[in-house]
Amino acid sequence: MPKALNRFFTLRYARRYAKRHIAATALHTLIFYTLVFPLITHAQEESTDEEPPQDSGNAATTEPTAPPIEIPNIAAKQQQLLTEALQDQNLITLTAEDEDFSAIWQTDTSGTPIGAALIFHGEGEHANWPLSVSVLREQLTRFGWATLSITLPNPTLPRPPDRPAEILPPEKADPSTLDTEQPDTAEGLPAENDAIASNETNLPPASTENTLEPPAPIAKDVEAIVQARIETAMAFLNSNGQYNIIYVGYGIGASRAARYIDAIDPAMSNGVLDQKLKQARTRALINRPIRALILINARNRIPYSPLTDDKFIIDWINDAGLPVLDVYNNHHYLDNYEPAERVKAARKKQLNSYTQIRILPATVNDDDTEDVIAKRVRGFLNKHAKGVRIDD
C-alpha cells in the first residue's frame, strides 16, 4: 500500500509540473512574438535600407583610399624663414636658368673696402645658417669684405630601385591528378618542345596597339643649376664693382666652389680689371679671377651627380698658386679621415699655397666676440688676398 500511494503522488506532481512548465513556455513565446520580434524585424529593415546598392556584376569590394601625401616645398619654406628672420634687410633675389633664388648681399661696413666674399652653404643648410654662415658673413663685413651668400639646392637623392614583383607560392597539386607515368625524356625532365609550348601559352596576347608611354623629360642635373647660380652671383658682384673675390665653402659647398674655379677661364678675357688696374697706375697684379679659396668643414665629394663623376675636391684645384685655407673642427664623423685625404692629395699635386688647420670651436659666441673661424679666415685673407681700391 505505501508503494502504490507513493507512485500515485509522484505521477500527480509530475503531471502538475509538466502543465506549469508548458504554460510558462507558451507565455514566454507569446511575449517574444508580440513584443521583441517586431522590434528585431524593424531594425533589420532599417539596416537594409541604409546599405548602398551593390553591383551584381562586380563582386570585388572597393577599399577606401588613403588621402594623398602632400610633399612640402622646402625651398619656399626656407625663403619664408629667411624673409622673416632678416625682415627683407640685405635679402635680394637673383635669377638663373629662368628660376629665382634668394641671396644675402651685405656691403662693407668698415669704410675701407678690400673685396667681396662669395659664400656657399652646406648640404641641408641655407644662406644664413646660424653659428656658421651668419657669423662669418657678418664678421667679414666689419673688416672690409662685402659678402654675398647664395642659396643652393641640395643634391638629389637617387631613385630607389623598383619593388620586385610578388612571388606567389606554387599551388599544391592534387595527388589524384598526377600522372603515374614518367616522361620519356632523360632524368624526368620535360621535352624541349613541350617547355617552349608551355612558355608560349603563358605569354599575354600580343596587342596591336602601341602601349608604350613617351619617356618623361629628363630633369636638369642639380650641379648644372649650381653652376648657373654661381655665374649669376659673379655677374652681380662685377656689376657692383667687385673684382677682388674670394670663395668660402661649407660642407659640399666647398667642393662646389672648387669645381667652379676649375671651370672658369683664368685669363679673364673681358679685360675689364686689367684696364682698371692700368688706369689706377698700380703695381698690383691680380692674375686670377678668384683670389683665394676657403674650405670650412669641407666634404671631399659631391654625391649623387653624374656631372661630378665622383671626383675628389683636390682634383678641381689645379692652380698651384691659388691660396687655399682648409679649416675643420672635427665635429663631423667624416672629419676623422677626409682632412688627411686632402692633405695627402695636396702634397702630391704640390699645392704650395695650401694650408690646413684644425681648430676648436669657440665657447663664447655673441655680437661682441669674434668667431675663431672668422678670425682665422680674416688673417689668411689679409696675407694672401689683399685688395686694391680702384675708383671709377
Protein backbone atom coordinates (compact mmCIF):
# COMPACT_ATOMS: atom_id res chain seq x y z
CA MET A 1 0.00 0.00 0.00
CA PRO A 2 2.71 2.61 0.71
CA LYS A 3 4.37 1.88 -2.63
CA ALA A 4 1.11 2.44 -4.50
CA LEU A 5 0.49 5.70 -2.71
CA ASN A 6 3.98 6.87 -3.44
CA ARG A 7 3.60 6.14 -7.17
CA PHE A 8 0.23 7.91 -7.23
CA PHE A 9 1.52 11.13 -5.67
CA THR A 10 4.64 11.07 -7.85
CA LEU A 11 2.63 10.87 -11.05
CA ARG A 12 0.28 13.54 -9.81
CA TYR A 13 3.07 16.04 -9.07
CA ALA A 14 4.81 15.24 -12.35
CA ARG A 15 1.66 15.97 -14.33
CA ARG A 16 1.13 19.23 -12.41
CA TYR A 17 4.78 20.30 -13.03
CA ALA A 18 4.53 19.49 -16.74
CA LYS A 19 1.35 21.58 -17.08
CA ARG A 20 3.00 24.54 -15.35
CA HIS A 21 6.15 24.22 -17.49
CA ILE A 22 4.17 24.09 -20.73
CA ALA A 23 2.14 27.11 -19.64
CA ALA A 24 5.30 29.13 -18.82
CA THR A 25 6.95 28.22 -22.13
CA ALA A 26 3.85 29.25 -24.05
CA LEU A 27 3.73 32.54 -22.16
CA HIS A 28 7.40 33.32 -23.00
CA THR A 29 6.86 32.51 -26.65
CA LEU A 30 3.82 34.75 -26.79
CA ILE A 31 5.74 37.67 -25.22
CA PHE A 32 8.65 37.20 -27.68
CA TYR A 33 6.47 37.22 -30.80
CA THR A 34 4.27 40.07 -29.63
CA LEU A 35 6.94 42.45 -28.25
CA VAL A 36 10.54 41.53 -29.19
CA PHE A 37 10.19 40.03 -32.66
CA PRO A 38 8.62 43.18 -34.26
CA LEU A 39 11.49 45.32 -32.94
CA ILE A 40 14.13 42.99 -34.45
CA THR A 41 12.35 42.93 -37.82
CA HIS A 42 12.10 46.72 -37.91
CA ALA A 43 15.84 47.14 -37.15
CA GLN A 44 16.78 44.73 -39.93
CA GLU A 45 14.65 46.65 -42.42
CA GLU A 46 16.33 49.95 -41.49
CA SER A 47 19.83 48.49 -41.88
CA THR A 48 18.89 47.08 -45.28
CA ASP A 49 17.62 50.47 -46.45
CA GLU A 50 20.84 52.23 -45.43
CA GLU A 51 23.18 49.86 -47.33
CA PRO A 52 24.16 51.17 -50.78
CA PRO A 53 23.07 49.07 -53.71
CA GLN A 54 25.78 46.70 -54.88
CA ASP A 55 26.51 45.90 -58.45
CA SER A 56 25.76 42.25 -59.02
CA GLY A 57 28.20 42.15 -61.93
CA ASN A 58 31.16 43.41 -59.91
CA ALA A 59 31.87 41.13 -56.99
CA ALA A 60 35.02 42.99 -55.88
CA THR A 61 34.52 45.40 -52.99
CA THR A 62 36.04 48.86 -53.19
CA GLU A 63 38.53 49.64 -50.45
CA PRO A 64 38.81 53.15 -49.02
CA THR A 65 41.77 55.05 -50.47
CA ALA A 66 44.17 56.98 -48.28
CA PRO A 67 44.39 60.75 -48.82
CA PRO A 68 47.33 61.85 -51.00
CA ILE A 69 50.51 62.85 -49.18
CA GLU A 70 51.41 66.48 -49.71
CA ILE A 71 55.15 66.96 -50.30
CA PRO A 72 56.38 70.12 -48.55
CA ASN A 73 58.18 72.77 -50.58
CA ILE A 74 61.42 73.11 -48.64
CA ALA A 75 62.81 75.91 -50.82
CA ALA A 76 59.70 78.03 -50.33
CA LYS A 77 59.77 77.37 -46.59
CA GLN A 78 63.43 78.44 -46.37
CA GLN A 79 62.64 81.58 -48.34
CA GLN A 80 59.84 82.39 -45.90
CA LEU A 81 62.09 81.82 -42.88
CA LEU A 82 64.84 84.00 -44.36
CA THR A 83 62.36 86.78 -45.04
CA GLU A 84 61.02 86.62 -41.50
CA ALA A 85 64.49 86.46 -39.92
CA LEU A 86 66.06 89.25 -41.96
CA GLN A 87 62.88 91.31 -42.41
CA ASP A 88 63.89 91.96 -46.04
CA GLN A 89 67.16 93.58 -44.95
CA ASN A 90 70.02 92.72 -47.34
CA LEU A 91 67.85 89.99 -48.90
CA ILE A 92 67.87 90.07 -52.70
CA THR A 93 66.51 87.86 -55.47
CA LEU A 94 68.65 86.65 -58.37
CA THR A 95 67.65 84.64 -61.43
CA ALA A 96 69.44 81.72 -63.09
CA GLU A 97 68.03 79.23 -65.60
CA ASP A 98 64.66 81.05 -65.50
CA GLU A 99 64.42 80.32 -61.78
CA ASP A 100 64.58 82.83 -58.93
CA PHE A 101 66.72 82.16 -55.88
CA SER A 102 67.44 84.21 -52.78
CA ALA A 103 70.76 85.65 -51.70
CA ILE A 104 72.02 87.89 -48.90
CA TRP A 105 74.11 90.87 -50.01
CA GLN A 106 75.86 92.93 -47.34
CA THR A 107 78.34 95.67 -48.17
CA ASP A 108 81.46 96.59 -46.25
CA THR A 109 80.82 98.49 -43.02
CA SER A 110 84.45 99.37 -42.16
CA GLY A 111 84.87 102.23 -44.65
CA THR A 112 88.00 100.64 -46.20
CA PRO A 113 86.73 98.06 -48.70
CA ILE A 114 89.03 95.21 -49.67
CA GLY A 115 86.93 92.85 -51.76
CA ALA A 116 83.94 90.52 -51.72
CA ALA A 117 83.39 87.01 -50.38
CA LEU A 118 81.01 84.66 -52.16
CA ILE A 119 79.71 82.14 -49.60
CA PHE A 120 78.39 78.65 -50.37
CA HIS A 121 76.41 76.97 -47.59
CA GLY A 122 76.50 73.25 -46.85
CA GLU A 123 74.02 70.49 -47.57
CA GLY A 124 70.69 70.88 -45.79
CA GLU A 125 71.51 74.47 -44.78
CA HIS A 126 70.52 77.90 -46.09
CA ALA A 127 72.20 81.20 -46.91
CA ASN A 128 72.08 82.47 -43.31
CA TRP A 129 72.77 79.27 -41.38
CA PRO A 130 73.28 80.14 -37.70
CA LEU A 131 76.63 79.78 -35.93
CA SER A 132 78.44 79.28 -39.24
CA VAL A 133 77.45 81.22 -42.37
CA SER A 134 75.72 84.01 -40.47
CA VAL A 135 78.71 84.58 -38.16
CA LEU A 136 81.31 84.71 -40.93
CA ARG A 137 79.08 86.80 -43.17
CA GLU A 138 78.66 89.47 -40.52
CA GLN A 139 82.23 89.36 -39.23
CA LEU A 140 83.89 89.85 -42.62
CA THR A 141 81.88 92.98 -43.34
CA ARG A 142 83.47 94.64 -40.31
CA PHE A 143 86.93 94.32 -41.84
CA GLY A 144 86.48 95.47 -45.43
CA TRP A 145 84.87 92.47 -47.08
CA ALA A 146 81.45 92.64 -48.69
CA THR A 147 79.64 89.29 -48.57
CA LEU A 148 77.19 87.58 -50.87
CA SER A 149 75.68 84.35 -49.56
CA ILE A 150 73.61 82.49 -52.17
CA THR A 151 71.00 79.76 -51.82
CA LEU A 152 71.98 76.46 -53.43
CA PRO A 153 69.85 73.35 -53.99
CA ASN A 154 70.56 70.15 -52.12
CA PRO A 155 71.84 67.10 -54.01
CA THR A 156 69.06 64.97 -55.44
CA LEU A 157 68.89 61.54 -53.89
CA PRO A 158 68.90 58.65 -56.37
CA ARG A 159 65.62 56.99 -57.19
CA PRO A 160 65.11 53.82 -55.14
CA PRO A 161 65.00 50.56 -57.10
CA ASP A 162 61.65 49.23 -58.19
CA ARG A 163 59.97 46.82 -55.85
CA PRO A 164 60.28 43.23 -57.13
CA ALA A 165 57.15 41.50 -58.31
CA GLU A 166 55.35 39.45 -55.72
CA ILE A 167 56.41 35.80 -55.91
CA LEU A 168 53.43 33.57 -55.26
CA PRO A 169 53.98 30.11 -53.72
CA PRO A 170 53.39 27.20 -56.09
CA GLU A 171 49.93 25.71 -55.98
CA LYS A 172 49.61 22.43 -54.17
CA ALA A 173 48.98 19.74 -56.68
CA ASP A 174 46.27 17.17 -56.14
CA PRO A 175 47.89 13.72 -55.87
CA SER A 176 44.93 12.17 -57.65
CA THR A 177 45.55 14.27 -60.78
CA LEU A 178 49.24 13.45 -61.09
CA ASP A 179 50.33 11.17 -63.90
CA THR A 180 51.92 7.98 -62.72
CA GLU A 181 53.84 7.54 -65.94
CA GLN A 182 57.25 9.16 -66.23
CA PRO A 183 58.08 11.24 -69.34
CA ASP A 184 60.30 9.74 -71.96
CA THR A 185 62.99 12.43 -71.61
CA ALA A 186 66.15 11.85 -69.65
CA GLU A 187 66.16 12.36 -65.87
CA GLY A 188 62.44 13.04 -65.80
CA LEU A 189 62.72 16.46 -67.47
CA PRO A 190 60.03 17.62 -69.91
CA ALA A 191 60.75 17.65 -73.59
CA GLU A 192 62.14 20.81 -75.17
CA ASN A 193 59.15 21.38 -77.43
CA ASP A 194 56.79 20.92 -74.51
CA ALA A 195 58.69 23.57 -72.49
CA ILE A 196 58.53 26.03 -75.36
CA ALA A 197 54.85 25.38 -75.84
CA SER A 198 54.10 25.88 -72.17
CA ASN A 199 56.02 29.18 -72.13
CA GLU A 200 54.12 30.39 -75.17
CA THR A 201 50.82 29.59 -73.59
CA ASN A 202 51.72 31.63 -70.52
CA LEU A 203 52.58 34.74 -72.52
CA PRO A 204 49.96 37.51 -72.69
CA PRO A 205 48.25 38.01 -76.03
CA ALA A 206 50.05 40.35 -78.38
CA SER A 207 48.48 43.77 -78.68
CA THR A 208 48.30 45.58 -81.97
CA GLU A 209 48.18 48.99 -80.29
CA ASN A 210 51.28 50.85 -79.17
CA THR A 211 51.08 50.74 -75.37
CA LEU A 212 54.49 52.33 -74.74
CA GLU A 213 54.25 55.67 -72.96
CA PRO A 214 56.50 58.55 -74.04
CA PRO A 215 59.57 58.91 -71.82
CA ALA A 216 59.41 61.50 -69.09
CA PRO A 217 61.51 64.62 -69.63
CA ILE A 218 64.94 64.33 -68.04
CA ALA A 219 65.36 66.78 -65.17
CA LYS A 220 68.36 69.03 -65.27
CA ASP A 221 71.21 67.96 -63.03
CA VAL A 222 71.36 69.84 -59.74
CA GLU A 223 75.05 70.67 -60.16
CA ALA A 224 74.32 72.34 -63.50
CA ILE A 225 71.84 74.57 -61.65
CA VAL A 226 74.52 75.30 -59.05
CA GLN A 227 76.99 76.40 -61.73
CA ALA A 228 74.38 78.69 -63.29
CA ARG A 229 73.66 80.32 -59.94
CA ILE A 230 77.37 80.92 -59.31
CA GLU A 231 77.67 82.62 -62.71
CA THR A 232 74.73 84.86 -61.82
CA ALA A 233 76.32 85.70 -58.47
CA MET A 234 79.63 86.57 -60.15
CA ALA A 235 77.85 88.85 -62.60
CA PHE A 236 76.10 90.56 -59.67
CA LEU A 237 79.42 91.15 -57.88
CA ASN A 238 81.07 92.55 -61.00
CA SER A 239 78.12 94.86 -61.59
CA ASN A 240 78.68 96.22 -58.09
CA GLY A 241 82.36 96.91 -58.77
CA GLN A 242 83.69 93.81 -57.02
CA TYR A 243 86.62 92.09 -58.75
CA ASN A 244 88.77 91.05 -55.80
CA ILE A 245 86.65 87.99 -55.00
CA ILE A 246 87.28 85.07 -52.70
CA TYR A 247 85.19 81.91 -52.25
CA VAL A 248 84.09 80.45 -48.91
CA GLY A 249 82.51 77.00 -48.95
CA TYR A 250 80.94 74.98 -46.15
CA GLY A 251 80.49 71.19 -46.47
CA ILE A 252 79.73 70.23 -50.05
CA GLY A 253 79.67 73.95 -50.83
CA ALA A 254 83.47 73.77 -50.63
CA SER A 255 83.58 71.14 -53.38
CA ARG A 256 81.12 73.16 -55.45
CA ALA A 257 83.31 76.25 -55.15
CA ALA A 258 86.43 74.32 -56.17
CA ARG A 259 84.61 72.82 -59.15
CA TYR A 260 83.56 76.25 -60.41
CA ILE A 261 87.06 77.67 -60.01
CA ASP A 262 88.39 74.87 -62.18
CA ALA A 263 85.78 75.59 -64.86
CA ILE A 264 86.26 79.37 -65.26
CA ASP A 265 88.83 80.96 -67.55
CA PRO A 266 91.81 82.24 -65.51
CA ALA A 267 92.82 84.59 -68.34
CA MET A 268 89.84 86.92 -67.63
CA SER A 269 89.19 87.54 -71.31
CA ASN A 270 86.96 90.55 -70.74
CA GLY A 271 89.98 92.61 -69.65
CA VAL A 272 87.87 94.94 -67.53
CA LEU A 273 90.01 94.50 -64.43
CA ASP A 274 93.27 94.91 -66.36
CA GLN A 275 92.11 98.23 -67.77
CA LYS A 276 91.08 99.50 -64.34
CA LEU A 277 94.45 98.50 -62.86
CA LYS A 278 96.26 100.41 -65.59
CA GLN A 279 94.12 103.47 -65.03
CA ALA A 280 94.86 103.32 -61.29
CA ARG A 281 98.62 103.16 -62.05
CA THR A 282 99.20 100.44 -59.51
CA ARG A 283 101.75 97.68 -59.45
CA ALA A 284 99.24 95.20 -58.06
CA LEU A 285 98.78 92.08 -60.11
CA ILE A 286 95.53 90.12 -59.99
CA ASN A 287 96.25 87.27 -62.34
CA ARG A 288 93.29 85.06 -61.35
CA PRO A 289 89.56 85.81 -61.12
CA ILE A 290 89.32 84.17 -57.67
CA ARG A 291 91.99 85.37 -55.26
CA ALA A 292 91.59 82.69 -52.56
CA LEU A 293 89.54 79.63 -51.61
CA ILE A 294 88.39 78.98 -48.03
CA LEU A 295 87.24 75.45 -47.14
CA ILE A 296 85.33 75.07 -43.87
CA ASN A 297 84.46 71.55 -42.73
CA ALA A 298 84.68 70.57 -46.39
CA ARG A 299 83.32 67.38 -47.85
CA ASN A 300 85.61 65.73 -50.36
CA ARG A 301 82.95 64.77 -52.91
CA ILE A 302 79.65 65.94 -54.34
CA PRO A 303 77.24 62.99 -54.10
CA TYR A 304 74.53 61.75 -56.46
CA SER A 305 75.55 63.74 -59.53
CA PRO A 306 76.75 62.25 -62.84
CA LEU A 307 78.46 65.54 -63.68
CA THR A 308 80.93 65.22 -60.82
CA ASP A 309 81.83 61.59 -61.70
CA ASP A 310 82.79 61.01 -58.07
CA LYS A 311 85.73 63.39 -58.37
CA PHE A 312 87.86 64.38 -55.42
CA ILE A 313 87.84 68.00 -54.25
CA ILE A 314 91.61 68.41 -54.78
CA ASP A 315 91.14 67.26 -58.40
CA TRP A 316 89.45 70.62 -59.07
CA ILE A 317 92.28 72.69 -57.55
CA ASN A 318 94.77 72.84 -60.42
CA ASP A 319 96.23 76.29 -59.79
CA ALA A 320 99.32 75.67 -57.66
CA GLY A 321 99.48 79.36 -56.73
CA LEU A 322 95.88 79.64 -55.54
CA PRO A 323 95.85 80.34 -51.77
CA VAL A 324 93.71 77.66 -50.09
CA LEU A 325 92.81 77.62 -46.39
CA ASP A 326 91.33 74.31 -45.17
CA VAL A 327 89.71 74.69 -41.73
CA TYR A 328 87.88 71.94 -39.84
CA ASN A 329 86.79 71.41 -36.24
CA ASN A 330 86.35 67.62 -36.23
CA HIS A 331 82.63 67.75 -35.44
CA HIS A 332 81.57 65.51 -38.34
CA TYR A 333 82.39 61.83 -38.40
CA LEU A 334 83.94 62.24 -41.89
CA ASP A 335 86.49 64.61 -40.38
CA ASN A 336 88.20 61.57 -38.92
CA TYR A 337 89.76 60.74 -42.30
CA GLU A 338 88.72 63.23 -45.04
CA PRO A 339 91.09 66.06 -43.96
CA ALA A 340 94.01 63.63 -44.07
CA GLU A 341 93.00 62.64 -47.61
CA ARG A 342 93.00 66.29 -48.68
CA VAL A 343 96.45 66.94 -47.22
CA LYS A 344 97.90 63.88 -48.92
CA ALA A 345 96.38 64.82 -52.30
CA ALA A 346 97.54 68.47 -52.00
CA ARG A 347 101.08 67.36 -51.19
CA LYS A 348 101.04 65.00 -54.17
CA LYS A 349 99.91 67.81 -56.52
CA GLN A 350 102.48 70.19 -54.98
CA LEU A 351 99.94 72.83 -53.99
CA ASN A 352 102.41 75.11 -52.22
CA SER A 353 99.75 77.63 -51.13
CA TYR A 354 97.56 75.01 -49.44
CA THR A 355 97.18 75.35 -45.64
CA GLN A 356 95.14 73.12 -43.36
CA ILE A 357 94.40 73.82 -39.69
CA ARG A 358 92.26 72.12 -37.08
CA ILE A 359 90.63 74.42 -34.56
CA LEU A 360 88.44 74.08 -31.52
CA PRO A 361 85.03 75.75 -31.63
CA ALA A 362 84.63 78.94 -29.67
CA THR A 363 82.99 78.55 -26.27
CA VAL A 364 81.56 82.09 -26.34
CA ASN A 365 79.66 83.38 -29.34
CA ASP A 366 77.89 86.73 -29.20
CA ASP A 367 77.88 90.03 -31.04
CA ASP A 368 80.94 91.37 -29.22
CA THR A 369 83.15 88.29 -29.62
CA GLU A 370 84.66 87.43 -32.97
CA ASP A 371 84.25 83.81 -34.01
CA VAL A 372 87.50 81.89 -34.04
CA ILE A 373 86.93 80.66 -37.61
CA ALA A 374 86.22 84.22 -38.80
CA LYS A 375 89.43 85.37 -37.15
CA ARG A 376 91.47 82.69 -38.91
CA VAL A 377 89.87 83.46 -42.25
CA ARG A 378 90.39 87.20 -41.90
CA GLY A 379 94.06 86.77 -41.05
CA PHE A 380 94.59 84.45 -44.03
CA LEU A 381 92.89 86.88 -46.41
CA ASN A 382 94.92 89.86 -45.17
CA LYS A 383 98.07 87.93 -46.01
CA HIS A 384 97.14 86.35 -49.34
CA ALA A 385 94.24 88.34 -50.89
CA LYS A 386 94.78 91.99 -50.07
CA GLY A 387 92.74 94.03 -52.48
CA VAL A 388 93.41 97.24 -54.37
CA ARG A 389 90.88 100.05 -54.33
CA ILE A 390 90.06 101.37 -57.79
CA ASP A 391 87.91 104.48 -58.06
CA ASP A 392 85.61 104.90 -61.01
